[in-house]
Amino acid sequence: MFLKHKQSGDLVEILEMEEIYDPCKQSITGRFHAGEEMQDPETFAKSNLIFPSGESLPLCWLDPKYQEHLSSQKTASNV
């Protein structure tokens, strides 16, 4: 899977898919996919990554308490 680094706009190849789905992990292991040579693995903060389309990562990948946020939004909309 590839994501885009917000600051540079370069693609980042995600090396450990489990890390991206785990909301308790704030960073992932990946490598820039730019240039002719394969880059060394680095640690990237999830907050610095987006989908190549420009969309943000889903909240359930970023926040371990995302279900609480959804519950509070439903409660607020029912008032």
PDB file of N, CA and C in Angstrom:
ATOM      1  N   MET A   1       0.849  -1.170   0.000  1.00  0.00           N
ATOM      2  CA  MET A   1       0.000   0.000   0.000  1.00  0.00           C
ATOM      3  C   MET A   1       0.891   1.227   0.000  1.00  0.00           C
ATOM      4  N   PHE A   2       0.440   2.255  -0.716  1.00  0.00           N
ATOM      5  CA  PHE A   2       1.163   3.517  -0.757  1.00  0.00           C
ATOM      6  C   PHE A   2       0.293   4.619  -0.188  1.00  0.00           C
ATOM      7  N   LEU A   3       0.899   5.474   0.604  1.00  0.00           N
ATOM      8  CA  LEU A   3       0.260   6.686   1.098  1.00  0.00           C
ATOM      9  C   LEU A   3       1.137   7.856   0.689  1.00  0.00           C
ATOM     10  N   LYS A   4       0.618   9.059   0.844  1.00  0.00           N
ATOM     11  CA  LYS A   4       1.380  10.248   0.467  1.00  0.00           C
ATOM     12  C   LYS A   4       1.817  11.008   1.712  1.00  0.00           C
ATOM     13  N   HIS A   5       3.061  11.424   1.732  1.00  0.00           N
ATOM     14  CA  HIS A   5       3.619  12.227   2.810  1.00  0.00           C
ATOM     15  C   HIS A   5       3.135  13.663   2.612  1.00  0.00           C
ATOM     16  N   LYS A   6       2.457  14.217   3.604  1.00  0.00           N
ATOM     17  CA  LYS A   6       1.850  15.547   3.471  1.00  0.00           C
ATOM     18  C   LYS A   6       2.866  16.630   3.118  1.00  0.00           C
ATOM     19  N   GLN A   7       3.986  16.666   3.816  1.00  0.00           N
ATOM     20  CA  GLN A   7       4.946  17.751   3.641  1.00  0.00           C
ATOM     21  C   GLN A   7       5.640  17.708   2.288  1.00  0.00           C
ATOM     22  N   SER A   8       6.078  16.538   1.859  1.00  0.00           N
ATOM     23  CA  SER A   8       6.863  16.454   0.630  1.00  0.00           C
ATOM     24  C   SER A   8       6.021  16.119  -0.595  1.00  0.00           C
ATOM     25  N   GLY A   9       4.873  15.478  -0.380  1.00  0.00           N
ATOM     26  CA  GLY A   9       4.056  15.027  -1.502  1.00  0.00           C
ATOM     27  C   GLY A   9       4.537  13.727  -2.113  1.00  0.00           C
ATOM     28  N   ASP A  10       5.624  13.152  -1.569  1.00  0.00           N
ATOM     29  CA  ASP A  10       6.165  11.898  -2.078  1.00  0.00           C
ATOM     30  C   ASP A  10       5.349  10.714  -1.568  1.00  0.00           C
ATOM     31  N   LEU A  11       5.347   9.638  -2.353  1.00  0.00           N
ATOM     32  CA  LEU A  11       4.674   8.419  -1.930  1.00  0.00           C
ATOM     33  C   LEU A  11       5.518   7.689  -0.899  1.00  0.00           C
ATOM     34  N   VAL A  12       4.819   7.053   0.042  1.00  0.00           N
ATOM     35  CA  VAL A  12       5.459   6.253   1.086  1.00  0.00           C
ATOM     36  C   VAL A  12       4.904   4.841   0.982  1.00  0.00           C
ATOM     37  N   GLU A  13       5.784   3.879   0.794  1.00  0.00           N
ATOM     38  CA  GLU A  13       5.376   2.479   0.759  1.00  0.00           C
ATOM     39  C   GLU A  13       5.252   1.989   2.197  1.00  0.00           C
ATOM     40  N   ILE A  14       4.084   1.489   2.562  1.00  0.00           N
ATOM     41  CA  ILE A  14       3.859   0.983   3.914  1.00  0.00           C
ATOM     42  C   ILE A  14       4.402  -0.442   3.976  1.00  0.00           C
ATOM     43  N   LEU A  15       5.307  -0.691   4.914  1.00  0.00           N
ATOM     44  CA  LEU A  15       5.976  -1.991   4.987  1.00  0.00           C
ATOM     45  C   LEU A  15       5.273  -2.964   5.922  1.00  0.00           C
ATOM     46  N   GLU A  16       4.631  -2.472   6.941  1.00  0.00           N
ATOM     47  CA  GLU A  16       3.922  -3.327   7.903  1.00  0.00           C
ATOM     48  C   GLU A  16       2.456  -2.903   7.933  1.00  0.00           C
ATOM     49  N   MET A  17       1.618  -3.595   7.172  1.00  0.00           N
ATOM     50  CA  MET A  17       0.214  -3.197   7.037  1.00  0.00           C
ATOM     51  C   MET A  17      -0.528  -3.174   8.376  1.00  0.00           C
ATOM     52  N   GLU A  18      -0.174  -4.068   9.294  1.00  0.00           N
ATOM     53  CA  GLU A  18      -0.853  -4.121  10.578  1.00  0.00           C
ATOM     54  C   GLU A  18      -0.718  -2.799  11.331  1.00  0.00           C
ATOM     55  N   GLU A  19       0.393  -2.107  11.156  1.00  0.00           N
ATOM     56  CA  GLU A  19       0.630  -0.844  11.862  1.00  0.00           C
ATOM     57  C   GLU A  19      -0.341   0.238  11.407  1.00  0.00           C
ATOM     58  N   ILE A  20      -0.668   0.268  10.128  1.00  0.00           N
ATOM     59  CA  ILE A  20      -1.524   1.333   9.627  1.00  0.00           C
ATOM     60  C   ILE A  20      -2.953   1.172  10.139  1.00  0.00           C
ATOM     61  N   TYR A  21      -3.410  -0.065  10.315  1.00  0.00           N
ATOM     62  CA  TYR A  21      -4.780  -0.310  10.780  1.00  0.00           C
ATOM     63  C   TYR A  21      -4.922  -0.191  12.287  1.00  0.00           C
ATOM     64  N   ASP A  22      -3.836  -0.279  13.023  1.00  0.00           N
ATOM     65  CA  ASP A  22      -3.885  -0.282  14.491  1.00  0.00           C
ATOM     66  C   ASP A  22      -3.986   1.154  15.014  1.00  0.00           C
ATOM     67  N   PRO A  23      -5.133   1.537  15.579  1.00  0.00           N
ATOM     68  CA  PRO A  23      -5.285   2.916  16.055  1.00  0.00           C
ATOM     69  C   PRO A  23      -4.426   3.246  17.271  1.00  0.00           C
ATOM     70  N   CYS A  24      -3.881   2.237  17.929  1.00  0.00           N
ATOM     71  CA  CYS A  24      -3.022   2.486  19.095  1.00  0.00           C
ATOM     72  C   CYS A  24      -1.600   2.846  18.684  1.00  0.00           C
ATOM     73  N   LYS A  25      -1.245   2.607  17.452  1.00  0.00           N
ATOM     74  CA  LYS A  25       0.093   2.960  16.956  1.00  0.00           C
ATOM     75  C   LYS A  25       0.026   4.327  16.288  1.00  0.00           C
ATOM     76  N   GLN A  26       0.856   5.236  16.741  1.00  0.00           N
ATOM     77  CA  GLN A  26       0.881   6.596  16.207  1.00  0.00           C
ATOM     78  C   GLN A  26       1.839   6.755  15.040  1.00  0.00           C
ATOM     79  N   SER A  27       2.674   5.742  14.823  1.00  0.00           N
ATOM     80  CA  SER A  27       3.632   5.805  13.714  1.00  0.00           C
ATOM     81  C   SER A  27       3.693   4.453  13.021  1.00  0.00           C
ATOM     82  N   ILE A  28       4.210   4.462  11.806  1.00  0.00           N
ATOM     83  CA  ILE A  28       4.308   3.250  11.002  1.00  0.00           C
ATOM     84  C   ILE A  28       5.695   3.171  10.371  1.00  0.00           C
ATOM     85  N   THR A  29       6.033   1.981   9.902  1.00  0.00           N
ATOM     86  CA  THR A  29       7.300   1.773   9.209  1.00  0.00           C
ATOM     87  C   THR A  29       7.041   1.792   7.709  1.00  0.00           C
ATOM     88  N   GLY A  30       7.795   2.601   7.011  1.00  0.00           N
ATOM     89  CA  GLY A  30       7.638   2.688   5.569  1.00  0.00           C
ATOM     90  C   GLY A  30       8.906   3.230   4.940  1.00  0.00           C
ATOM     91  N   ARG A  31       8.835   3.443   3.633  1.00  0.00           N
ATOM     92  CA  ARG A  31       9.978   4.047   2.950  1.00  0.00           C
ATOM     93  C   ARG A  31       9.464   4.894   1.800  1.00  0.00           C
ATOM     94  N   PHE A  32      10.167   5.995   1.593  1.00  0.00           N
ATOM     95  CA  PHE A  32       9.826   6.858   0.475  1.00  0.00           C
ATOM     96  C   PHE A  32       9.988   6.077  -0.820  1.00  0.00           C
ATOM     97  N   HIS A  33       9.098   6.297  -1.728  1.00  0.00           N
ATOM     98  CA  HIS A  33       9.150   5.640  -3.028  1.00  0.00           C
ATOM     99  C   HIS A  33       9.427   6.721  -4.061  1.00  0.00           C
ATOM    100  N   ALA A  34      10.650   7.210  -4.042  1.00  0.00           N
ATOM    101  CA  ALA A  34      11.067   8.289  -4.945  1.00  0.00           C
ATOM    102  C   ALA A  34      12.513   8.047  -5.341  1.00  0.00           C
ATOM    103  N   GLY A  35      12.849   8.419  -6.526  1.00  0.00           N
ATOM    104  CA  GLY A  35      14.216   8.221  -7.001  1.00  0.00           C
ATOM    105  C   GLY A  35      14.382   6.835  -7.598  1.00  0.00           C
ATOM    106  N   GLU A  36      15.581   6.561  -8.025  1.00  0.00           N
ATOM    107  CA  GLU A  36      15.853   5.289  -8.692  1.00  0.00           C
ATOM    108  C   GLU A  36      16.249   4.184  -7.725  1.00  0.00           C
ATOM    109  N   GLU A  37      16.818   4.542  -6.578  1.00  0.00           N
ATOM    110  CA  GLU A  37      17.266   3.540  -5.613  1.00  0.00           C
ATOM    111  C   GLU A  37      16.211   3.331  -4.541  1.00  0.00           C
ATOM    112  N   MET A  38      16.131   2.081  -4.058  1.00  0.00           N
ATOM    113  CA  MET A  38      15.206   1.790  -2.969  1.00  0.00           C
ATOM    114  C   MET A  38      15.691   2.505  -1.706  1.00  0.00           C
ATOM    115  N   GLN A  39      14.802   3.228  -1.069  1.00  0.00           N
ATOM    116  CA  GLN A  39      15.138   3.993   0.122  1.00  0.00           C
ATOM    117  C   GLN A  39      15.139   3.105   1.361  1.00  0.00           C
ATOM    118  N   ASP A  40      15.857   3.535   2.382  1.00  0.00           N
ATOM    119  CA  ASP A  40      15.890   2.803   3.648  1.00  0.00           C
ATOM    120  C   ASP A  40      14.570   3.002   4.391  1.00  0.00           C
ATOM    121  N   PRO A  41      14.141   1.988   5.157  1.00  0.00           N
ATOM    122  CA  PRO A  41      12.925   2.136   5.958  1.00  0.00           C
ATOM    123  C   PRO A  41      13.069   3.254   6.980  1.00  0.00           C
ATOM    124  N   GLU A  42      11.962   3.946   7.227  1.00  0.00           N
ATOM    125  CA  GLU A  42      11.899   5.035   8.208  1.00  0.00           C
ATOM    126  C   GLU A  42      10.620   4.890   9.012  1.00  0.00           C
ATOM    127  N   THR A  43      10.542   5.645  10.083  1.00  0.00           N
ATOM    128  CA  THR A  43       9.326   5.721  10.875  1.00  0.00           C
ATOM    129  C   THR A  43       8.596   6.998  10.486  1.00  0.00           C
ATOM    130  N   PHE A  44       7.305   6.868  10.204  1.00  0.00           N
ATOM    131  CA  PHE A  44       6.471   8.003   9.811  1.00  0.00           C
ATOM    132  C   PHE A  44       5.305   8.136  10.783  1.00  0.00           C
ATOM    133  N   ALA A  45       5.031   9.348  11.215  1.00  0.00           N
ATOM    134  CA  ALA A  45       3.840   9.599  12.026  1.00  0.00           C
ATOM    135  C   ALA A  45       2.619   9.477  11.131  1.00  0.00           C
ATOM    136  N   LYS A  46       1.599   8.772  11.596  1.00  0.00           N
ATOM    137  CA  LYS A  46       0.384   8.622  10.807  1.00  0.00           C
ATOM    138  C   LYS A  46      -0.241   9.978  10.494  1.00  0.00           C
ATOM    139  N   SER A  47      -0.074  10.923  11.391  1.00  0.00           N
ATOM    140  CA  SER A  47      -0.657  12.255  11.192  1.00  0.00           C
ATOM    141  C   SER A  47      -0.037  12.984  10.005  1.00  0.00           C
ATOM    142  N   ASN A  48       1.109  12.510   9.526  1.00  0.00           N
ATOM    143  CA  ASN A  48       1.783  13.131   8.378  1.00  0.00           C
ATOM    144  C   ASN A  48       1.491  12.419   7.063  1.00  0.00           C
ATOM    145  N   LEU A  49       0.536  11.476   7.081  1.00  0.00           N
ATOM    146  CA  LEU A  49       0.235  10.688   5.891  1.00  0.00           C
ATOM    147  C   LEU A  49      -1.219  10.865   5.467  1.00  0.00           C
ATOM    148  N   ILE A  50      -1.449  10.831   4.165  1.00  0.00           N
ATOM    149  CA  ILE A  50      -2.787  10.878   3.590  1.00  0.00           C
ATOM    150  C   ILE A  50      -2.829   9.883   2.434  1.00  0.00           C
ATOM    151  N   PHE A  51      -4.020   9.616   1.920  1.00  0.00           N
ATOM    152  CA  PHE A  51      -4.130   8.785   0.734  1.00  0.00           C
ATOM    153  C   PHE A  51      -3.615   9.574  -0.467  1.00  0.00           C
ATOM    154  N   PRO A  52      -3.120   8.888  -1.504  1.00  0.00           N
ATOM    155  CA  PRO A  52      -2.632   9.593  -2.690  1.00  0.00           C
ATOM    156  C   PRO A  52      -3.682  10.518  -3.321  1.00  0.00           C
ATOM    157  N   SER A  53      -4.960  10.230  -3.098  1.00  0.00           N
ATOM    158  CA  SER A  53      -6.041  11.064  -3.629  1.00  0.00           C
ATOM    159  C   SER A  53      -6.195  12.376  -2.866  1.00  0.00           C
ATOM    160  N   GLY A  54      -5.529  12.481  -1.709  1.00  0.00           N
ATOM    161  CA  GLY A  54      -5.625  13.678  -0.883  1.00  0.00           C
ATOM    162  C   GLY A  54      -6.559  13.510   0.308  1.00  0.00           C
ATOM    163  N   GLU A  55      -7.255  12.371   0.387  1.00  0.00           N
ATOM    164  CA  GLU A  55      -8.151  12.117   1.509  1.00  0.00           C
ATOM    165  C   GLU A  55      -7.361  11.799   2.770  1.00  0.00           C
ATOM    166  N   SER A  56      -7.919  12.196   3.903  1.00  0.00           N
ATOM    167  CA  SER A  56      -7.316  11.870   5.197  1.00  0.00           C
ATOM    168  C   SER A  56      -7.496  10.392   5.497  1.00  0.00           C
ATOM    169  N   LEU A  57      -6.655   9.876   6.377  1.00  0.00           N
ATOM    170  CA  LEU A  57      -6.812   8.492   6.824  1.00  0.00           C
ATOM    171  C   LEU A  57      -8.068   8.397   7.690  1.00  0.00           C
ATOM    172  N   PRO A  58      -8.737   7.247   7.701  1.00  0.00           N
ATOM    173  CA  PRO A  58      -9.945   7.104   8.507  1.00  0.00           C
ATOM    174  C   PRO A  58      -9.643   7.253   9.995  1.00  0.00           C
ATOM    175  N   LEU A  59     -10.585   7.818  10.712  1.00  0.00           N
ATOM    176  CA  LEU A  59     -10.429   8.040  12.144  1.00  0.00           C
ATOM    177  C   LEU A  59     -10.177   6.731  12.887  1.00  0.00           C
ATOM    178  N   CYS A  60     -10.769   5.632  12.420  1.00  0.00           N
ATOM    179  CA  CYS A  60     -10.584   4.345  13.103  1.00  0.00           C
ATOM    180  C   CYS A  60      -9.154   3.829  12.981  1.00  0.00           C
ATOM    181  N   TRP A  61      -8.344   4.386  12.092  1.00  0.00           N
ATOM    182  CA  TRP A  61      -6.926   4.026  11.980  1.00  0.00           C
ATOM    183  C   TRP A  61      -6.060   4.909  12.867  1.00  0.00           C
ATOM    184  N   LEU A  62      -6.593   6.035  13.319  1.00  0.00           N
ATOM    185  CA  LEU A  62      -5.793   7.039  14.025  1.00  0.00           C
ATOM    186  C   LEU A  62      -6.096   7.156  15.512  1.00  0.00           C
ATOM    187  N   ASP A  63      -7.345   6.958  15.897  1.00  0.00           N
ATOM    188  CA  ASP A  63      -7.790   7.250  17.256  1.00  0.00           C
ATOM    189  C   ASP A  63      -8.361   6.004  17.916  1.00  0.00           C
ATOM    190  N   PRO A  64      -7.716   5.496  18.975  1.00  0.00           N
ATOM    191  CA  PRO A  64      -8.230   4.294  19.630  1.00  0.00           C
ATOM    192  C   PRO A  64      -9.595   4.501  20.279  1.00  0.00           C
ATOM    193  N   LYS A  65     -10.007   5.740  20.469  1.00  0.00           N
ATOM    194  CA  LYS A  65     -11.306   6.035  21.081  1.00  0.00           C
ATOM    195  C   LYS A  65     -12.307   6.558  20.051  1.00  0.00           C
ATOM    196  N   TYR A  66     -12.134   6.170  18.799  1.00  0.00           N
ATOM    197  CA  TYR A  66     -12.982   6.711  17.735  1.00  0.00           C
ATOM    198  C   TYR A  66     -14.452   6.364  17.943  1.00  0.00           C
ATOM    199  N   GLN A  67     -14.759   5.220  18.541  1.00  0.00           N
ATOM    200  CA  GLN A  67     -16.156   4.852  18.763  1.00  0.00           C
ATOM    201  C   GLN A  67     -16.824   5.806  19.751  1.00  0.00           C
ATOM    202  N   GLU A  68     -16.079   6.315  20.719  1.00  0.00           N
ATOM    203  CA  GLU A  68     -16.627   7.294  21.655  1.00  0.00           C
ATOM    204  C   GLU A  68     -16.995   8.572  20.919  1.00  0.00           C
ATOM    205  N   HIS A  69     -16.182   8.981  19.955  1.00  0.00           N
ATOM    206  CA  HIS A  69     -16.474  10.174  19.164  1.00  0.00           C
ATOM    207  C   HIS A  69     -17.757   9.973  18.359  1.00  0.00           C
ATOM    208  N   LEU A  70     -17.924   8.784  17.789  1.00  0.00           N
ATOM    209  CA  LEU A  70     -19.125   8.495  17.012  1.00  0.00           C
ATOM    210  C   LEU A  70     -20.358   8.504  17.892  1.00  0.00           C
ATOM    211  N   SER A  71     -20.250   7.942  19.109  1.00  0.00           N
ATOM    212  CA  SER A  71     -21.379   7.915  20.039  1.00  0.00           C
ATOM    213  C   SER A  71     -21.792   9.323  20.448  1.00  0.00           C
ATOM    214  N   SER A  72     -20.808  10.184  20.710  1.00  0.00           N
ATOM    215  CA  SER A  72     -21.123  11.551  21.136  1.00  0.00           C
ATOM    216  C   SER A  72     -21.743  12.340  19.981  1.00  0.00           C
ATOM    217  N   GLN A  73     -21.346  12.057  18.735  1.00  0.00           N
ATOM    218  CA  GLN A  73     -21.942  12.737  17.582  1.00  0.00           C
ATOM    219  C   GLN A  73     -23.387  12.294  17.387  1.00  0.00           C
ATOM    220  N   LYS A  74     -23.684  11.015  17.586  1.00  0.00           N
ATOM    221  CA  LYS A  74     -25.052  10.522  17.461  1.00  0.00           C
ATOM    222  C   LYS A  74     -25.943  11.126  18.538  1.00  0.00           C
ATOM    223  N   THR A  75     -25.410  11.218  19.761  1.00  0.00           N
ATOM    224  CA  THR A  75     -26.166  11.788  20.862  1.00  0.00           C
ATOM    225  C   THR A  75     -26.479  13.256  20.583  1.00  0.00           C
ATOM    226  N   ALA A  76     -25.512  13.992  20.083  1.00  0.00           N
ATOM    227  CA  ALA A  76     -25.701  15.415  19.780  1.00  0.00           C
ATOM    228  C   ALA A  76     -26.723  15.616  18.664  1.00  0.00           C
ATOM    229  N   SER A  77     -26.754  14.729  17.684  1.00  0.00           N
ATOM    230  CA  SER A  77     -27.689  14.881  16.572  1.00  0.00           C
ATOM    231  C   SER A  77     -29.109  14.482  16.961  1.00  0.00           C
ATOM    232  N   ASN A  78     -29.256  13.705  18.030  1.00  0.00           N
ATOM    233  CA  ASN A  78     -30.584  13.281  18.490  1.00  0.00           C
ATOM    234  C   ASN A  78     -31.238  14.310  19.404  1.00  0.00           C
ATOM    235  N   VAL A  79     -30.501  15.324  19.814  1.00  0.00           N
ATOM    236  CA  VAL A  79     -31.037  16.329  20.743  1.00  0.00           C
ATOM    237  C   VAL A  79     -31.886  17.333  20.023  1.00  0.00           C
TER     238      VAL A  79
END
